[in-house]
Amino acid sequence: MIKLIKHILLLLLITHQVNAGYNSKSAEERYVQYIKEILSYTSWSSQTMLDKIKLCIVGDFNDYSVFRGIQGTMLFFSKKPLEILYIKTNINIVTKCNAVFIPEEQQILGKKIIKILKNKPVLTIGENGFAWHGGMISLYSRSKRLKFDINYSAIINSNVLVDTKILELGNIIDQ
């Protein structure tokens, strides 16, 4: 019973941390917070050999400078710092990332990246329907709240381990 209560409180804490101050934060800041929380509850099979977790952002640094706020953050499961890298043109570098965020404006590159990373241990995160097109997690806004879809089969095939706490918060889609 105590374990169940702790689990429920953790789920409430995660959603509250991300959705708190909805009106005071920009959409980009809320997305970044969600991504950080998802990465905090994700692990990789080769994680013990890593000195940091690399999150690659597809696009120009100036467009996504809001990610600077989580640079160096210590992640919960891995106990490793988060490193932010930006990818503008050489998308083959995504294989060196642990996670990739593909904004909606970069969906053309996103389709190519999904093909490159198919069945590789790299968590792919995008926006508005991304999970329905082969990505793993898709963030979207509904009723002034951030939500996310999870393409469970893509995650399973990649050998990325997303904690059940995150899986329970998202909408699992059948892809």
C-alpha atoms as a PDB file:
ATOM      1  CA  MET A   1       0.000   0.000   0.000  1.00  0.00           C
ATOM      2  CA  ILE A   2       2.786   2.438   0.899  1.00  0.00           C
ATOM      3  CA  LYS A   3       4.571   1.615  -2.361  1.00  0.00           C
ATOM      4  CA  LEU A   4       1.367   2.410  -4.311  1.00  0.00           C
ATOM      5  CA  ILE A   5       0.956   5.737  -2.489  1.00  0.00           C
ATOM      6  CA  LYS A   6       4.601   6.675  -3.212  1.00  0.00           C
ATOM      7  CA  HIS A   7       4.096   5.763  -6.881  1.00  0.00           C
ATOM      8  CA  ILE A   8       0.951   7.908  -7.148  1.00  0.00           C
ATOM      9  CA  LEU A   9       2.664  10.836  -5.418  1.00  0.00           C
ATOM     10  CA  LEU A  10       5.627  10.578  -7.815  1.00  0.00           C
ATOM     11  CA  LEU A  11       3.305  10.625 -10.832  1.00  0.00           C
ATOM     12  CA  LEU A  12       1.492  13.671  -9.443  1.00  0.00           C
ATOM     13  CA  LEU A  13       4.811  15.397  -8.753  1.00  0.00           C
ATOM     14  CA  ILE A  14       6.093  14.831 -12.290  1.00  0.00           C
ATOM     15  CA  THR A  15       2.930  16.164 -13.937  1.00  0.00           C
ATOM     16  CA  HIS A  16       2.714  19.074 -11.498  1.00  0.00           C
ATOM     17  CA  GLN A  17       6.358  20.074 -12.053  1.00  0.00           C
ATOM     18  CA  VAL A  18       5.839  20.192 -15.778  1.00  0.00           C
ATOM     19  CA  ASN A  19       2.397  21.801 -15.896  1.00  0.00           C
ATOM     20  CA  ALA A  20       2.858  24.182 -12.949  1.00  0.00           C
ATOM     21  CA  GLY A  21       3.100  27.767 -14.045  1.00  0.00           C
ATOM     22  CA  TYR A  22       1.650  26.955 -17.457  1.00  0.00           C
ATOM     23  CA  ASN A  23       0.811  30.585 -18.174  1.00  0.00           C
ATOM     24  CA  SER A  24       4.143  31.908 -16.903  1.00  0.00           C
ATOM     25  CA  LYS A  25       6.297  29.682 -19.103  1.00  0.00           C
ATOM     26  CA  SER A  26       6.599  29.702 -22.854  1.00  0.00           C
ATOM     27  CA  ALA A  27       5.545  26.613 -24.807  1.00  0.00           C
ATOM     28  CA  GLU A  28       9.214  25.948 -25.518  1.00  0.00           C
ATOM     29  CA  GLU A  29      10.111  26.059 -21.815  1.00  0.00           C
ATOM     30  CA  ARG A  30       7.313  23.608 -21.000  1.00  0.00           C
ATOM     31  CA  TYR A  31       8.460  21.238 -23.766  1.00  0.00           C
ATOM     32  CA  VAL A  32      12.031  21.404 -22.471  1.00  0.00           C
ATOM     33  CA  GLN A  33      10.845  20.582 -18.939  1.00  0.00           C
ATOM     34  CA  TYR A  34       8.851  17.599 -20.237  1.00  0.00           C
ATOM     35  CA  ILE A  35      11.819  16.347 -22.238  1.00  0.00           C
ATOM     36  CA  LYS A  36      14.086  16.655 -19.199  1.00  0.00           C
ATOM     37  CA  GLU A  37      11.612  14.687 -17.053  1.00  0.00           C
ATOM     38  CA  ILE A  38      11.253  11.967 -19.708  1.00  0.00           C
ATOM     39  CA  LEU A  39      15.048  11.667 -19.973  1.00  0.00           C
ATOM     40  CA  SER A  40      15.312  11.560 -16.178  1.00  0.00           C
ATOM     41  CA  TYR A  41      13.252   8.356 -16.202  1.00  0.00           C
ATOM     42  CA  THR A  42      14.956   6.746 -19.189  1.00  0.00           C
ATOM     43  CA  SER A  43      17.974   4.482 -19.268  1.00  0.00           C
ATOM     44  CA  TRP A  44      20.070   2.928 -21.980  1.00  0.00           C
ATOM     45  CA  SER A  45      21.556  -0.560 -21.967  1.00  0.00           C
ATOM     46  CA  SER A  46      25.025   0.850 -22.661  1.00  0.00           C
ATOM     47  CA  GLN A  47      24.598   3.583 -20.036  1.00  0.00           C
ATOM     48  CA  THR A  48      27.343   2.375 -17.705  1.00  0.00           C
ATOM     49  CA  MET A  49      29.944   3.280 -20.310  1.00  0.00           C
ATOM     50  CA  LEU A  50      28.658   6.831 -20.741  1.00  0.00           C
ATOM     51  CA  ASP A  51      30.016   9.864 -18.926  1.00  0.00           C
ATOM     52  CA  LYS A  52      27.023  12.013 -19.957  1.00  0.00           C
ATOM     53  CA  ILE A  53      23.669  11.677 -21.701  1.00  0.00           C
ATOM     54  CA  LYS A  54      23.619  13.453 -25.068  1.00  0.00           C
ATOM     55  CA  LEU A  55      20.389  15.117 -26.187  1.00  0.00           C
ATOM     56  CA  CYS A  56      20.621  16.281 -29.788  1.00  0.00           C
ATOM     57  CA  ILE A  57      18.317  19.043 -30.982  1.00  0.00           C
ATOM     58  CA  VAL A  58      17.627  19.121 -34.716  1.00  0.00           C
ATOM     59  CA  GLY A  59      17.726  22.758 -35.798  1.00  0.00           C
ATOM     60  CA  ASP A  60      19.522  26.018 -35.232  1.00  0.00           C
ATOM     61  CA  PHE A  61      20.892  26.856 -31.775  1.00  0.00           C
ATOM     62  CA  ASN A  62      19.319  30.319 -31.898  1.00  0.00           C
ATOM     63  CA  ASP A  63      15.858  28.828 -32.443  1.00  0.00           C
ATOM     64  CA  TYR A  64      16.182  26.408 -29.518  1.00  0.00           C
ATOM     65  CA  SER A  65      18.432  28.245 -27.071  1.00  0.00           C
ATOM     66  CA  VAL A  66      15.830  27.531 -24.354  1.00  0.00           C
ATOM     67  CA  PHE A  67      17.485  24.105 -24.002  1.00  0.00           C
ATOM     68  CA  ARG A  68      20.509  25.832 -22.428  1.00  0.00           C
ATOM     69  CA  GLY A  69      18.556  25.844 -19.162  1.00  0.00           C
ATOM     70  CA  ILE A  70      18.905  22.072 -18.790  1.00  0.00           C
ATOM     71  CA  GLN A  71      22.511  21.777 -19.992  1.00  0.00           C
ATOM     72  CA  GLY A  72      24.478  19.903 -17.315  1.00  0.00           C
ATOM     73  CA  THR A  73      21.377  18.834 -15.367  1.00  0.00           C
ATOM     74  CA  MET A  74      21.963  15.594 -13.467  1.00  0.00           C
ATOM     75  CA  LEU A  75      19.400  13.024 -14.625  1.00  0.00           C
ATOM     76  CA  PHE A  76      17.521  10.933 -12.068  1.00  0.00           C
ATOM     77  CA  PHE A  77      18.070   7.333 -13.256  1.00  0.00           C
ATOM     78  CA  SER A  78      21.443   7.637 -14.906  1.00  0.00           C
ATOM     79  CA  LYS A  79      23.028  10.006 -12.383  1.00  0.00           C
ATOM     80  CA  LYS A  80      24.795  11.498 -15.394  1.00  0.00           C
ATOM     81  CA  PRO A  81      24.783  15.108 -16.626  1.00  0.00           C
ATOM     82  CA  LEU A  82      22.817  16.086 -19.703  1.00  0.00           C
ATOM     83  CA  GLU A  83      24.746  17.474 -22.662  1.00  0.00           C
ATOM     84  CA  ILE A  84      22.873  19.425 -25.342  1.00  0.00           C
ATOM     85  CA  LEU A  85      24.084  19.237 -28.954  1.00  0.00           C
ATOM     86  CA  TYR A  86      22.571  20.965 -31.989  1.00  0.00           C
ATOM     87  CA  ILE A  87      22.338  19.337 -35.402  1.00  0.00           C
ATOM     88  CA  LYS A  88      21.771  21.566 -38.427  1.00  0.00           C
ATOM     89  CA  THR A  89      22.760  19.556 -41.472  1.00  0.00           C
ATOM     90  CA  ASN A  90      24.779  16.396 -40.737  1.00  0.00           C
ATOM     91  CA  ILE A  91      21.943  14.195 -39.497  1.00  0.00           C
ATOM     92  CA  ASN A  92      24.114  11.058 -39.471  1.00  0.00           C
ATOM     93  CA  ILE A  93      25.578  12.314 -36.190  1.00  0.00           C
ATOM     94  CA  VAL A  94      22.287  11.308 -34.481  1.00  0.00           C
ATOM     95  CA  THR A  95      23.677   7.805 -34.003  1.00  0.00           C
ATOM     96  CA  LYS A  96      26.076   9.311 -31.430  1.00  0.00           C
ATOM     97  CA  CYS A  97      23.164  10.753 -29.401  1.00  0.00           C
ATOM     98  CA  ASN A  98      21.200   9.095 -26.595  1.00  0.00           C
ATOM     99  CA  ALA A  99      18.089  11.090 -27.413  1.00  0.00           C
ATOM    100  CA  VAL A 100      17.023  13.352 -30.270  1.00  0.00           C
ATOM    101  CA  PHE A 101      14.399  16.108 -30.214  1.00  0.00           C
ATOM    102  CA  ILE A 102      12.938  16.831 -33.634  1.00  0.00           C
ATOM    103  CA  PRO A 103      10.772  19.989 -33.643  1.00  0.00           C
ATOM    104  CA  GLU A 104       7.724  20.135 -35.874  1.00  0.00           C
ATOM    105  CA  GLU A 105       9.500  22.505 -38.288  1.00  0.00           C
ATOM    106  CA  GLN A 106      12.106  19.796 -38.902  1.00  0.00           C
ATOM    107  CA  GLN A 107       9.704  16.968 -39.809  1.00  0.00           C
ATOM    108  CA  ILE A 108      11.284  16.399 -43.230  1.00  0.00           C
ATOM    109  CA  LEU A 109      14.620  15.690 -41.536  1.00  0.00           C
ATOM    110  CA  GLY A 110      12.697  13.833 -38.830  1.00  0.00           C
ATOM    111  CA  LYS A 111      11.531  11.168 -41.271  1.00  0.00           C
ATOM    112  CA  LYS A 112      15.124  10.588 -42.378  1.00  0.00           C
ATOM    113  CA  ILE A 113      16.326  10.482 -38.775  1.00  0.00           C
ATOM    114  CA  ILE A 114      13.687   7.899 -37.835  1.00  0.00           C
ATOM    115  CA  LYS A 115      15.004   5.667 -40.636  1.00  0.00           C
ATOM    116  CA  ILE A 116      18.618   6.136 -39.531  1.00  0.00           C
ATOM    117  CA  LEU A 117      17.769   5.329 -35.902  1.00  0.00           C
ATOM    118  CA  LYS A 118      15.334   2.462 -36.471  1.00  0.00           C
ATOM    119  CA  ASN A 119      16.013  -0.226 -33.820  1.00  0.00           C
ATOM    120  CA  LYS A 120      18.950   1.749 -32.373  1.00  0.00           C
ATOM    121  CA  PRO A 121      19.098   2.742 -28.678  1.00  0.00           C
ATOM    122  CA  VAL A 122      18.317   6.421 -29.259  1.00  0.00           C
ATOM    123  CA  LEU A 123      15.124   7.932 -27.833  1.00  0.00           C
ATOM    124  CA  THR A 124      13.337  10.047 -30.466  1.00  0.00           C
ATOM    125  CA  ILE A 125      11.054  12.852 -29.294  1.00  0.00           C
ATOM    126  CA  GLY A 126       9.016  15.130 -31.539  1.00  0.00           C
ATOM    127  CA  GLU A 127       5.833  17.151 -31.659  1.00  0.00           C
ATOM    128  CA  ASN A 128       2.226  16.812 -32.782  1.00  0.00           C
ATOM    129  CA  GLY A 129       1.832  13.321 -34.184  1.00  0.00           C
ATOM    130  CA  PHE A 130       5.520  12.407 -34.359  1.00  0.00           C
ATOM    131  CA  ALA A 131       4.919   9.063 -32.602  1.00  0.00           C
ATOM    132  CA  TRP A 132       2.288   8.145 -35.198  1.00  0.00           C
ATOM    133  CA  HIS A 133       4.982   8.423 -37.890  1.00  0.00           C
ATOM    134  CA  GLY A 134       7.557   6.131 -36.282  1.00  0.00           C
ATOM    135  CA  GLY A 135       8.989   8.392 -33.577  1.00  0.00           C
ATOM    136  CA  MET A 136       8.934   7.227 -29.962  1.00  0.00           C
ATOM    137  CA  ILE A 137       7.405  10.150 -28.059  1.00  0.00           C
ATOM    138  CA  SER A 138       5.261  12.958 -29.393  1.00  0.00           C
ATOM    139  CA  LEU A 139       4.545  16.064 -27.287  1.00  0.00           C
ATOM    140  CA  TYR A 140       1.386  18.114 -27.816  1.00  0.00           C
ATOM    141  CA  SER A 141      -0.773  20.645 -26.031  1.00  0.00           C
ATOM    142  CA  ARG A 142      -4.420  20.026 -25.216  1.00  0.00           C
ATOM    143  CA  SER A 143      -6.697  22.017 -22.896  1.00  0.00           C
ATOM    144  CA  LYS A 144      -3.770  24.140 -21.680  1.00  0.00           C
ATOM    145  CA  ARG A 145      -1.846  21.037 -20.616  1.00  0.00           C
ATOM    146  CA  LEU A 146       1.097  19.302 -22.185  1.00  0.00           C
ATOM    147  CA  LYS A 147       0.523  15.667 -23.004  1.00  0.00           C
ATOM    148  CA  PHE A 148       2.418  13.040 -24.926  1.00  0.00           C
ATOM    149  CA  ASP A 149       1.841   9.977 -27.066  1.00  0.00           C
ATOM    150  CA  ILE A 150       4.155   6.991 -26.744  1.00  0.00           C
ATOM    151  CA  ASN A 151       4.900   4.638 -29.607  1.00  0.00           C
ATOM    152  CA  TYR A 152       5.568   1.675 -27.338  1.00  0.00           C
ATOM    153  CA  SER A 153       6.646  -0.715 -30.097  1.00  0.00           C
ATOM    154  CA  ALA A 154       9.297   1.763 -31.329  1.00  0.00           C
ATOM    155  CA  ILE A 155      10.662   2.066 -27.782  1.00  0.00           C
ATOM    156  CA  ILE A 156      10.731  -1.703 -27.268  1.00  0.00           C
ATOM    157  CA  ASN A 157      12.489  -2.246 -30.616  1.00  0.00           C
ATOM    158  CA  SER A 158      15.160   0.320 -29.743  1.00  0.00           C
ATOM    159  CA  ASN A 159      16.177  -1.217 -26.388  1.00  0.00           C
ATOM    160  CA  VAL A 160      15.712   2.157 -24.717  1.00  0.00           C
ATOM    161  CA  LEU A 161      14.262   1.637 -21.242  1.00  0.00           C
ATOM    162  CA  VAL A 162      11.565   4.184 -20.389  1.00  0.00           C
ATOM    163  CA  ASP A 163      10.362   3.797 -16.810  1.00  0.00           C
ATOM    164  CA  THR A 164       6.760   2.729 -16.241  1.00  0.00           C
ATOM    165  CA  LYS A 165       6.135   6.010 -14.403  1.00  0.00           C
ATOM    166  CA  ILE A 166       6.528   7.832 -17.727  1.00  0.00           C
ATOM    167  CA  LEU A 167       4.640   5.174 -19.688  1.00  0.00           C
ATOM    168  CA  GLU A 168       1.683   5.541 -17.300  1.00  0.00           C
ATOM    169  CA  LEU A 169       1.583   9.306 -17.828  1.00  0.00           C
ATOM    170  CA  GLY A 170       1.555   9.114 -21.613  1.00  0.00           C
ATOM    171  CA  ASN A 171      -0.995   7.918 -24.115  1.00  0.00           C
ATOM    172  CA  ILE A 172       0.242   4.575 -25.494  1.00  0.00           C
ATOM    173  CA  ILE A 173      -0.474   4.299 -29.205  1.00  0.00           C
ATOM    174  CA  ASP A 174      -0.559   1.115 -31.218  1.00  0.00           C
ATOM    175  CA  GLN A 175       1.767   1.610 -34.163  1.00  0.00           C
END
